[in-house]
Amino acid sequence: MAHWDTVVIVGVGLIGGSIGLDLRAKKLAKRIVGVGRRAASLKAALAAGCVTETTTRPDKAAAEADLIIVCTPVGRIVDDVKAAAAVCKPGTLITDVGSTKGSIVAQLSQTALPRDVIFIGSHPLAGSEKHGPTAAVRDLFRDRVVIVTPIETTPKKPLREIETLWKELGARVVRMDPAEHDRALAATSHVPHLVASALAGATPEPYLGLTGGGWLDTTRIAASDGSLWAQIFDDNREQVLAALGGVEASLAAFRQAIERRDAVQLQQLWEAGRKHRDALNKKKKK
């Protein structure tokens, strides 16, 4: 039985398209409306089965929605939520999939959304370096973490409904304070993407043909959309800089040990990294 009559997905790319595929497969919504700016992209989303219908009129779609999922770039999310909320019917739920949460949640909590419209921030820790509706896949969120970022004034029933959405898509839901989310994701996602891009850019082009699995694994995410990541780095600037400082200190320690030919220190530094990596593997097995 469908949970929602009409779900609107604003931005039907990899994440939005994957949500749509699962909503359809699990029959969680009667209508899944894809909203976008480009007719060609919407046509591709419809052909891929991500949505049941499309429109370039976000106001028309939002007015009919029971649930709206905003999957646009970080720099657009606040404006897109406000625009949707202005025409929603009372009781409509809105969530997003943005990689930052602090400023988004703060701005929207300070704005009186009309007609009892509720916004609750979400961030699925899933995706890839690919983008667009043709990259969408079924079960993208299965056994992945989705962070939900309620605040003190968030009503309990809508919060449970948003958490139910992600659980129905197979995800494990974690609640976090928006500011804590940004501190954590700076270290676990934002800076790793930055480092991957830095490593790829620092590799001399004549040597690219000599790269192996280590280089390819480490730099895979450097193929992501740079314009999207520029918005994330800007929106989470302070936390990214703080996390980057930790990486810089670690690299400096490695450099110093190599310069001094200090094999003991090198091994200690390497073991510290290995233990953190092994700890993650143990957590995943539990």
C-alpha atoms as a PDB file:
ATOM      1  CA  MET A   1       0.000   0.000   0.000  1.00  0.00           C
ATOM      2  CA  ALA A   2       1.359   3.427  -0.968  1.00  0.00           C
ATOM      3  CA  HIS A   3       2.503   5.700   1.840  1.00  0.00           C
ATOM      4  CA  TRP A   4       1.997   8.794  -0.309  1.00  0.00           C
ATOM      5  CA  ASP A   5      -0.298   9.775  -3.150  1.00  0.00           C
ATOM      6  CA  THR A   6       2.168  12.188  -4.735  1.00  0.00           C
ATOM      7  CA  VAL A   7       5.919  12.435  -4.168  1.00  0.00           C
ATOM      8  CA  VAL A   8       7.763  15.229  -5.940  1.00  0.00           C
ATOM      9  CA  ILE A   9      11.497  14.887  -6.599  1.00  0.00           C
ATOM     10  CA  VAL A  10      13.152  18.206  -7.384  1.00  0.00           C
ATOM     11  CA  GLY A  11      16.338  17.370  -9.279  1.00  0.00           C
ATOM     12  CA  VAL A  12      16.223  13.877 -10.772  1.00  0.00           C
ATOM     13  CA  GLY A  13      19.927  13.037 -10.963  1.00  0.00           C
ATOM     14  CA  LEU A  14      21.786  10.088  -9.478  1.00  0.00           C
ATOM     15  CA  ILE A  15      20.316  10.464  -5.974  1.00  0.00           C
ATOM     16  CA  GLY A  16      16.878  11.734  -6.941  1.00  0.00           C
ATOM     17  CA  GLY A  17      16.575   9.180  -9.721  1.00  0.00           C
ATOM     18  CA  SER A  18      17.607   6.328  -7.426  1.00  0.00           C
ATOM     19  CA  ILE A  19      15.013   7.421  -4.868  1.00  0.00           C
ATOM     20  CA  GLY A  20      12.390   7.412  -7.596  1.00  0.00           C
ATOM     21  CA  LEU A  21      13.349   3.944  -8.801  1.00  0.00           C
ATOM     22  CA  ASP A  22      12.963   2.508  -5.302  1.00  0.00           C
ATOM     23  CA  LEU A  23       9.712   4.359  -4.604  1.00  0.00           C
ATOM     24  CA  ARG A  24       8.252   2.863  -7.766  1.00  0.00           C
ATOM     25  CA  ALA A  25       9.621  -0.644  -7.199  1.00  0.00           C
ATOM     26  CA  LYS A  26       8.322  -0.743  -3.634  1.00  0.00           C
ATOM     27  CA  LYS A  27       5.015   0.901  -4.588  1.00  0.00           C
ATOM     28  CA  LEU A  28       5.464   3.547  -1.914  1.00  0.00           C
ATOM     29  CA  ALA A  29       3.808   6.313  -3.964  1.00  0.00           C
ATOM     30  CA  LYS A  30       1.014   6.442  -6.519  1.00  0.00           C
ATOM     31  CA  ARG A  31       2.614   9.319  -8.436  1.00  0.00           C
ATOM     32  CA  ILE A  32       6.284  10.273  -8.570  1.00  0.00           C
ATOM     33  CA  VAL A  33       6.757  13.625 -10.256  1.00  0.00           C
ATOM     34  CA  GLY A  34      10.221  14.634 -11.437  1.00  0.00           C
ATOM     35  CA  VAL A  35      10.945  18.360 -11.503  1.00  0.00           C
ATOM     36  CA  GLY A  36      13.853  19.873 -13.408  1.00  0.00           C
ATOM     37  CA  ARG A  37      15.019  22.733 -15.563  1.00  0.00           C
ATOM     38  CA  ARG A  38      16.054  20.783 -18.653  1.00  0.00           C
ATOM     39  CA  ALA A  39      13.513  18.879 -20.720  1.00  0.00           C
ATOM     40  CA  ALA A  40      16.188  16.483 -22.017  1.00  0.00           C
ATOM     41  CA  SER A  41      17.211  15.432 -18.504  1.00  0.00           C
ATOM     42  CA  LEU A  42      13.580  14.935 -17.482  1.00  0.00           C
ATOM     43  CA  LYS A  43      12.961  12.860 -20.596  1.00  0.00           C
ATOM     44  CA  ALA A  44      15.922  10.651 -19.638  1.00  0.00           C
ATOM     45  CA  ALA A  45      14.576  10.280 -16.086  1.00  0.00           C
ATOM     46  CA  LEU A  46      11.177   9.230 -17.400  1.00  0.00           C
ATOM     47  CA  ALA A  47      12.734   6.766 -19.853  1.00  0.00           C
ATOM     48  CA  ALA A  48      14.853   5.262 -17.063  1.00  0.00           C
ATOM     49  CA  GLY A  49      11.747   4.665 -14.952  1.00  0.00           C
ATOM     50  CA  CYS A  50      12.823   7.046 -12.185  1.00  0.00           C
ATOM     51  CA  VAL A  51       9.496   8.906 -12.205  1.00  0.00           C
ATOM     52  CA  THR A  52       5.959   8.461 -13.464  1.00  0.00           C
ATOM     53  CA  GLU A  53       5.713  11.973 -14.888  1.00  0.00           C
ATOM     54  CA  THR A  54       7.782  15.146 -15.240  1.00  0.00           C
ATOM     55  CA  THR A  55       7.404  18.892 -15.312  1.00  0.00           C
ATOM     56  CA  THR A  56       9.509  22.017 -15.584  1.00  0.00           C
ATOM     57  CA  ARG A  57       6.920  23.783 -13.400  1.00  0.00           C
ATOM     58  CA  PRO A  58       8.043  23.286  -9.764  1.00  0.00           C
ATOM     59  CA  ASP A  59       5.152  25.389  -8.484  1.00  0.00           C
ATOM     60  CA  LYS A  60       2.550  23.168 -10.176  1.00  0.00           C
ATOM     61  CA  ALA A  61       4.172  19.981  -8.857  1.00  0.00           C
ATOM     62  CA  ALA A  62       4.644  21.290  -5.305  1.00  0.00           C
ATOM     63  CA  ALA A  63       0.990  22.322  -5.054  1.00  0.00           C
ATOM     64  CA  GLU A  64      -0.057  18.672  -5.523  1.00  0.00           C
ATOM     65  CA  ALA A  65       2.632  17.040  -3.359  1.00  0.00           C
ATOM     66  CA  ASP A  66       2.331  15.125  -0.116  1.00  0.00           C
ATOM     67  CA  LEU A  67       6.109  14.741   0.132  1.00  0.00           C
ATOM     68  CA  ILE A  68       8.814  16.752  -1.624  1.00  0.00           C
ATOM     69  CA  ILE A  69      12.433  15.588  -1.807  1.00  0.00           C
ATOM     70  CA  VAL A  70      14.844  18.324  -2.895  1.00  0.00           C
ATOM     71  CA  CYS A  71      17.863  16.823  -4.636  1.00  0.00           C
ATOM     72  CA  THR A  72      19.406  19.969  -6.083  1.00  0.00           C
ATOM     73  CA  PRO A  73      22.949  21.283  -5.415  1.00  0.00           C
ATOM     74  CA  VAL A  74      23.681  22.620  -1.917  1.00  0.00           C
ATOM     75  CA  GLY A  75      23.676  26.216  -3.104  1.00  0.00           C
ATOM     76  CA  ARG A  76      20.094  25.932  -4.365  1.00  0.00           C
ATOM     77  CA  ILE A  77      18.412  23.885  -1.633  1.00  0.00           C
ATOM     78  CA  VAL A  78      17.203  26.739   0.609  1.00  0.00           C
ATOM     79  CA  ASP A  79      15.648  28.654  -2.293  1.00  0.00           C
ATOM     80  CA  ASP A  80      14.095  25.498  -3.738  1.00  0.00           C
ATOM     81  CA  VAL A  81      12.537  24.570  -0.379  1.00  0.00           C
ATOM     82  CA  LYS A  82      11.169  28.079   0.119  1.00  0.00           C
ATOM     83  CA  ALA A  83       9.712  28.154  -3.400  1.00  0.00           C
ATOM     84  CA  ALA A  84       8.032  24.791  -2.916  1.00  0.00           C
ATOM     85  CA  ALA A  85       6.724  25.661   0.550  1.00  0.00           C
ATOM     86  CA  ALA A  86       5.086  28.825  -0.762  1.00  0.00           C
ATOM     87  CA  VAL A  87       2.603  26.820  -2.848  1.00  0.00           C
ATOM     88  CA  CYS A  88       2.287  23.571  -0.837  1.00  0.00           C
ATOM     89  CA  LYS A  89      -0.949  22.379   0.659  1.00  0.00           C
ATOM     90  CA  PRO A  90      -1.088  22.265   4.508  1.00  0.00           C
ATOM     91  CA  GLY A  91       0.816  19.389   6.054  1.00  0.00           C
ATOM     92  CA  THR A  92       3.196  18.772   3.166  1.00  0.00           C
ATOM     93  CA  LEU A  93       6.573  17.335   4.205  1.00  0.00           C
ATOM     94  CA  ILE A  94       9.813  18.494   2.607  1.00  0.00           C
ATOM     95  CA  THR A  95      13.250  16.944   2.973  1.00  0.00           C
ATOM     96  CA  ASP A  96      16.507  17.238   1.070  1.00  0.00           C
ATOM     97  CA  VAL A  97      19.644  15.211   0.364  1.00  0.00           C
ATOM     98  CA  GLY A  98      22.270  17.924   0.790  1.00  0.00           C
ATOM     99  CA  SER A  99      25.823  17.101   1.878  1.00  0.00           C
ATOM    100  CA  THR A 100      25.794  20.016   4.306  1.00  0.00           C
ATOM    101  CA  LYS A 101      23.143  20.663   6.896  1.00  0.00           C
ATOM    102  CA  GLY A 102      24.126  23.450   9.317  1.00  0.00           C
ATOM    103  CA  SER A 103      23.404  26.525   7.224  1.00  0.00           C
ATOM    104  CA  ILE A 104      20.507  24.904   5.331  1.00  0.00           C
ATOM    105  CA  VAL A 105      18.649  23.894   8.490  1.00  0.00           C
ATOM    106  CA  ALA A 106      19.459  27.191  10.198  1.00  0.00           C
ATOM    107  CA  GLN A 107      18.154  29.312   7.328  1.00  0.00           C
ATOM    108  CA  LEU A 108      14.984  27.288   6.942  1.00  0.00           C
ATOM    109  CA  SER A 109      14.300  27.158  10.691  1.00  0.00           C
ATOM    110  CA  GLN A 110      14.528  30.949  10.785  1.00  0.00           C
ATOM    111  CA  THR A 111      12.029  31.212   7.938  1.00  0.00           C
ATOM    112  CA  ALA A 112       8.379  30.785   8.818  1.00  0.00           C
ATOM    113  CA  LEU A 113       7.327  28.184   6.260  1.00  0.00           C
ATOM    114  CA  PRO A 114       3.681  28.737   5.321  1.00  0.00           C
ATOM    115  CA  ARG A 115       0.629  26.518   5.724  1.00  0.00           C
ATOM    116  CA  ASP A 116       2.049  24.084   8.272  1.00  0.00           C
ATOM    117  CA  VAL A 117       4.694  22.869   5.845  1.00  0.00           C
ATOM    118  CA  ILE A 118       7.470  20.958   7.645  1.00  0.00           C
ATOM    119  CA  PHE A 119      11.104  20.757   6.501  1.00  0.00           C
ATOM    120  CA  ILE A 120      13.406  18.089   7.942  1.00  0.00           C
ATOM    121  CA  GLY A 121      16.967  17.795   6.682  1.00  0.00           C
ATOM    122  CA  SER A 122      18.351  14.497   5.376  1.00  0.00           C
ATOM    123  CA  HIS A 123      21.661  13.325   3.974  1.00  0.00           C
ATOM    124  CA  PRO A 124      22.015   9.847   2.447  1.00  0.00           C
ATOM    125  CA  LEU A 125      25.630   8.657   2.568  1.00  0.00           C
ATOM    126  CA  ALA A 126      25.364   7.026  -0.825  1.00  0.00           C
ATOM    127  CA  GLY A 127      26.218   7.857  -4.396  1.00  0.00           C
ATOM    128  CA  SER A 128      29.162   7.783  -6.732  1.00  0.00           C
ATOM    129  CA  GLU A 129      31.261  10.001  -8.952  1.00  0.00           C
ATOM    130  CA  LYS A 130      28.619   9.577 -11.688  1.00  0.00           C
ATOM    131  CA  HIS A 131      25.724  11.953 -12.162  1.00  0.00           C
ATOM    132  CA  GLY A 132      22.468  12.350 -14.040  1.00  0.00           C
ATOM    133  CA  PRO A 133      19.324  10.177 -14.217  1.00  0.00           C
ATOM    134  CA  THR A 134      21.031   7.540 -16.368  1.00  0.00           C
ATOM    135  CA  ALA A 135      23.356   6.818 -13.407  1.00  0.00           C
ATOM    136  CA  ALA A 136      20.410   6.088 -11.076  1.00  0.00           C
ATOM    137  CA  VAL A 137      20.248   2.537  -9.688  1.00  0.00           C
ATOM    138  CA  ARG A 138      17.909   0.423  -7.586  1.00  0.00           C
ATOM    139  CA  ASP A 139      18.824  -0.275  -3.951  1.00  0.00           C
ATOM    140  CA  LEU A 140      21.383   2.539  -3.822  1.00  0.00           C
ATOM    141  CA  PHE A 141      20.448   3.176  -0.177  1.00  0.00           C
ATOM    142  CA  ARG A 142      20.255  -0.423   1.025  1.00  0.00           C
ATOM    143  CA  ASP A 143      22.395  -0.872   4.159  1.00  0.00           C
ATOM    144  CA  ARG A 144      23.700   2.682   3.778  1.00  0.00           C
ATOM    145  CA  VAL A 145      23.460   5.367   6.449  1.00  0.00           C
ATOM    146  CA  VAL A 146      21.064   8.258   6.037  1.00  0.00           C
ATOM    147  CA  ILE A 147      21.563  11.086   8.517  1.00  0.00           C
ATOM    148  CA  VAL A 148      18.438  12.975   9.546  1.00  0.00           C
ATOM    149  CA  THR A 149      18.947  16.336  11.254  1.00  0.00           C
ATOM    150  CA  PRO A 150      15.921  17.418  13.304  1.00  0.00           C
ATOM    151  CA  ILE A 151      16.040  20.403  15.643  1.00  0.00           C
ATOM    152  CA  GLU A 152      14.294  20.938  18.992  1.00  0.00           C
ATOM    153  CA  THR A 153      11.118  22.284  17.384  1.00  0.00           C
ATOM    154  CA  THR A 154      10.776  19.453  14.832  1.00  0.00           C
ATOM    155  CA  PRO A 155       7.417  17.690  15.314  1.00  0.00           C
ATOM    156  CA  LYS A 156       7.737  13.992  16.139  1.00  0.00           C
ATOM    157  CA  LYS A 157       5.191  12.609  13.680  1.00  0.00           C
ATOM    158  CA  PRO A 158       6.706  14.217  10.543  1.00  0.00           C
ATOM    159  CA  LEU A 159      10.169  13.165  11.766  1.00  0.00           C
ATOM    160  CA  ARG A 160       9.020   9.559  12.022  1.00  0.00           C
ATOM    161  CA  GLU A 161       7.554   9.798   8.519  1.00  0.00           C
ATOM    162  CA  ILE A 162      10.827  11.027   7.026  1.00  0.00           C
ATOM    163  CA  GLU A 163      12.724   8.309   8.856  1.00  0.00           C
ATOM    164  CA  THR A 164      10.212   5.756   7.568  1.00  0.00           C
ATOM    165  CA  LEU A 165      10.896   6.942   4.004  1.00  0.00           C
ATOM    166  CA  TRP A 166      14.597   6.134   4.276  1.00  0.00           C
ATOM    167  CA  LYS A 167      14.024   2.879   6.144  1.00  0.00           C
ATOM    168  CA  GLU A 168      11.614   1.742   3.434  1.00  0.00           C
ATOM    169  CA  LEU A 169      14.411   2.397   0.932  1.00  0.00           C
ATOM    170  CA  GLY A 170      16.637   0.047   2.945  1.00  0.00           C
ATOM    171  CA  ALA A 171      18.759   2.613   4.775  1.00  0.00           C
ATOM    172  CA  ARG A 172      19.918   2.781   8.384  1.00  0.00           C
ATOM    173  CA  VAL A 173      18.777   6.087   9.851  1.00  0.00           C
ATOM    174  CA  VAL A 174      20.977   8.098  12.220  1.00  0.00           C
ATOM    175  CA  ARG A 175      19.802  11.294  13.913  1.00  0.00           C
ATOM    176  CA  MET A 176      22.371  14.067  14.293  1.00  0.00           C
ATOM    177  CA  ASP A 177      22.530  17.716  15.221  1.00  0.00           C
ATOM    178  CA  PRO A 178      23.044  19.723  11.995  1.00  0.00           C
ATOM    179  CA  ALA A 179      26.308  21.300  13.203  1.00  0.00           C
ATOM    180  CA  GLU A 180      27.687  17.947  14.356  1.00  0.00           C
ATOM    181  CA  HIS A 181      26.759  16.489  10.978  1.00  0.00           C
ATOM    182  CA  ASP A 182      28.887  19.110   9.241  1.00  0.00           C
ATOM    183  CA  ARG A 183      31.873  18.484  11.523  1.00  0.00           C
ATOM    184  CA  ALA A 184      31.667  14.758  10.902  1.00  0.00           C
ATOM    185  CA  LEU A 185      31.128  14.924   7.155  1.00  0.00           C
ATOM    186  CA  ALA A 186      33.984  17.382   6.701  1.00  0.00           C
ATOM    187  CA  ALA A 187      36.299  14.632   7.962  1.00  0.00           C
ATOM    188  CA  THR A 188      34.631  11.593   6.406  1.00  0.00           C
ATOM    189  CA  SER A 189      33.512  12.948   3.023  1.00  0.00           C
ATOM    190  CA  HIS A 190      34.362  16.524   2.141  1.00  0.00           C
ATOM    191  CA  VAL A 191      38.103  16.455   2.807  1.00  0.00           C
ATOM    192  CA  PRO A 192      38.542  12.959   1.284  1.00  0.00           C
ATOM    193  CA  HIS A 193      37.044  14.277  -1.952  1.00  0.00           C
ATOM    194  CA  LEU A 194      39.380  17.256  -1.800  1.00  0.00           C
ATOM    195  CA  VAL A 195      42.427  15.032  -1.167  1.00  0.00           C
ATOM    196  CA  ALA A 196      41.443  12.701  -4.022  1.00  0.00           C
ATOM    197  CA  SER A 197      41.254  15.638  -6.403  1.00  0.00           C
ATOM    198  CA  ALA A 198      44.559  17.056  -5.126  1.00  0.00           C
ATOM    199  CA  LEU A 199      46.328  13.726  -5.640  1.00  0.00           C
ATOM    200  CA  ALA A 200      44.912  13.322  -9.145  1.00  0.00           C
ATOM    201  CA  GLY A 201      45.932  16.859 -10.059  1.00  0.00           C
ATOM    202  CA  ALA A 202      49.436  16.453  -8.623  1.00  0.00           C
ATOM    203  CA  THR A 203      50.213  13.318 -10.654  1.00  0.00           C
ATOM    204  CA  PRO A 204      52.369  14.190 -13.698  1.00  0.00           C
ATOM    205  CA  GLU A 205      50.462  13.477 -16.873  1.00  0.00           C
ATOM    206  CA  PRO A 206      53.263  11.398 -18.483  1.00  0.00           C
ATOM    207  CA  TYR A 207      52.989   8.940 -15.566  1.00  0.00           C
ATOM    208  CA  LEU A 208      49.216   8.395 -15.737  1.00  0.00           C
ATOM    209  CA  GLY A 209      49.720   5.279 -17.852  1.00  0.00           C
ATOM    210  CA  LEU A 210      51.689   3.761 -14.983  1.00  0.00           C
ATOM    211  CA  THR A 211      48.964   4.079 -12.365  1.00  0.00           C
ATOM    212  CA  GLY A 212      47.664   0.976 -10.634  1.00  0.00           C
ATOM    213  CA  GLY A 213      44.852   0.015  -8.302  1.00  0.00           C
ATOM    214  CA  GLY A 214      46.035   2.179  -5.421  1.00  0.00           C
ATOM    215  CA  TRP A 215      45.963   5.364  -7.472  1.00  0.00           C
ATOM    216  CA  LEU A 216      42.689   4.445  -9.157  1.00  0.00           C
ATOM    217  CA  ASP A 217      40.943   3.575  -5.877  1.00  0.00           C
ATOM    218  CA  THR A 218      42.191   6.713  -4.149  1.00  0.00           C
ATOM    219  CA  THR A 219      41.280   9.105  -6.957  1.00  0.00           C
ATOM    220  CA  ARG A 220      37.977   7.584  -8.126  1.00  0.00           C
ATOM    221  CA  ILE A 221      35.895  10.287  -6.453  1.00  0.00           C
ATOM    222  CA  ALA A 222      38.001  12.989  -8.118  1.00  0.00           C
ATOM    223  CA  ALA A 223      35.783  12.376 -11.163  1.00  0.00           C
ATOM    224  CA  SER A 224      32.843  13.968  -9.305  1.00  0.00           C
ATOM    225  CA  ASP A 225      31.276  17.247 -10.441  1.00  0.00           C
ATOM    226  CA  GLY A 226      33.616  20.060  -9.361  1.00  0.00           C
ATOM    227  CA  SER A 227      30.910  22.726  -9.397  1.00  0.00           C
ATOM    228  CA  LEU A 228      28.885  20.764  -6.843  1.00  0.00           C
ATOM    229  CA  TRP A 229      31.901  20.264  -4.600  1.00  0.00           C
ATOM    230  CA  ALA A 230      32.844  23.936  -4.761  1.00  0.00           C
ATOM    231  CA  GLN A 231      29.420  24.727  -3.249  1.00  0.00           C
ATOM    232  CA  ILE A 232      29.892  22.112  -0.517  1.00  0.00           C
ATOM    233  CA  PHE A 233      33.353  23.403   0.410  1.00  0.00           C
ATOM    234  CA  ASP A 234      32.055  26.968   0.567  1.00  0.00           C
ATOM    235  CA  ASP A 235      28.978  26.100   2.618  1.00  0.00           C
ATOM    236  CA  ASN A 236      30.980  24.005   5.103  1.00  0.00           C
ATOM    237  CA  ARG A 237      34.106  26.160   4.918  1.00  0.00           C
ATOM    238  CA  GLU A 238      35.093  26.303   8.598  1.00  0.00           C
ATOM    239  CA  GLN A 239      34.672  22.585   9.226  1.00  0.00           C
ATOM    240  CA  VAL A 240      36.467  21.638   6.006  1.00  0.00           C
ATOM    241  CA  LEU A 241      39.404  23.847   6.933  1.00  0.00           C
ATOM    242  CA  ALA A 242      39.542  22.317  10.414  1.00  0.00           C
ATOM    243  CA  ALA A 243      39.491  18.756   9.053  1.00  0.00           C
ATOM    244  CA  LEU A 244      41.998  19.668   6.357  1.00  0.00           C
ATOM    245  CA  GLY A 245      44.334  20.928   9.072  1.00  0.00           C
ATOM    246  CA  GLY A 246      44.364  17.452  10.590  1.00  0.00           C
ATOM    247  CA  VAL A 247      45.289  15.873   7.254  1.00  0.00           C
ATOM    248  CA  GLU A 248      48.017  18.455   6.709  1.00  0.00           C
ATOM    249  CA  ALA A 249      49.470  17.683  10.143  1.00  0.00           C
ATOM    250  CA  SER A 250      49.465  13.968   9.377  1.00  0.00           C
ATOM    251  CA  LEU A 251      51.169  14.493   6.006  1.00  0.00           C
ATOM    252  CA  ALA A 252      53.745  16.748   7.662  1.00  0.00           C
ATOM    253  CA  ALA A 253      54.523  14.014  10.192  1.00  0.00           C
ATOM    254  CA  PHE A 254      55.001  11.488   7.379  1.00  0.00           C
ATOM    255  CA  ARG A 255      57.210  13.927   5.478  1.00  0.00           C
ATOM    256  CA  GLN A 256      59.355  14.616   8.541  1.00  0.00           C
ATOM    257  CA  ALA A 257      59.789  10.915   9.243  1.00  0.00           C
ATOM    258  CA  ILE A 258      60.844  10.265   5.635  1.00  0.00           C
ATOM    259  CA  GLU A 259      63.272  13.199   5.673  1.00  0.00           C
ATOM    260  CA  ARG A 260      64.839  11.875   8.887  1.00  0.00           C
ATOM    261  CA  ARG A 261      64.797   8.270   7.655  1.00  0.00           C
ATOM    262  CA  ASP A 262      62.953   7.461  10.839  1.00  0.00           C
ATOM    263  CA  ALA A 263      61.608   3.979  10.047  1.00  0.00           C
ATOM    264  CA  VAL A 264      60.158   3.549  13.523  1.00  0.00           C
ATOM    265  CA  GLN A 265      58.110   6.736  13.266  1.00  0.00           C
ATOM    266  CA  LEU A 266      56.984   5.832   9.749  1.00  0.00           C
ATOM    267  CA  GLN A 267      55.746   2.468  10.915  1.00  0.00           C
ATOM    268  CA  GLN A 268      53.930   4.028  13.879  1.00  0.00           C
ATOM    269  CA  LEU A 269      52.193   6.534  11.623  1.00  0.00           C
ATOM    270  CA  TRP A 270      51.234   3.806   9.170  1.00  0.00           C
ATOM    271  CA  GLU A 271      49.923   1.553  11.964  1.00  0.00           C
ATOM    272  CA  ALA A 272      47.767   4.367  13.323  1.00  0.00           C
ATOM    273  CA  GLY A 273      46.099   4.705   9.927  1.00  0.00           C
ATOM    274  CA  ARG A 274      45.731   0.951   9.494  1.00  0.00           C
ATOM    275  CA  LYS A 275      44.081   0.582  12.911  1.00  0.00           C
ATOM    276  CA  HIS A 276      41.472   3.202  12.012  1.00  0.00           C
ATOM    277  CA  ARG A 277      40.776   1.433   8.723  1.00  0.00           C
ATOM    278  CA  ASP A 278      40.535  -1.968  10.431  1.00  0.00           C
ATOM    279  CA  ALA A 279      38.203  -0.521  13.068  1.00  0.00           C
ATOM    280  CA  LEU A 280      35.794   0.469  10.298  1.00  0.00           C
ATOM    281  CA  ASN A 281      35.833  -3.041   8.853  1.00  0.00           C
ATOM    282  CA  LYS A 282      35.032  -4.487  12.290  1.00  0.00           C
ATOM    283  CA  LYS A 283      32.082  -2.127  12.709  1.00  0.00           C
ATOM    284  CA  LYS A 284      30.680  -3.144   9.334  1.00  0.00           C
ATOM    285  CA  LYS A 285      30.825  -6.830  10.283  1.00  0.00           C
ATOM    286  CA  LYS A 286      28.761  -6.312  13.441  1.00  0.00           C
END
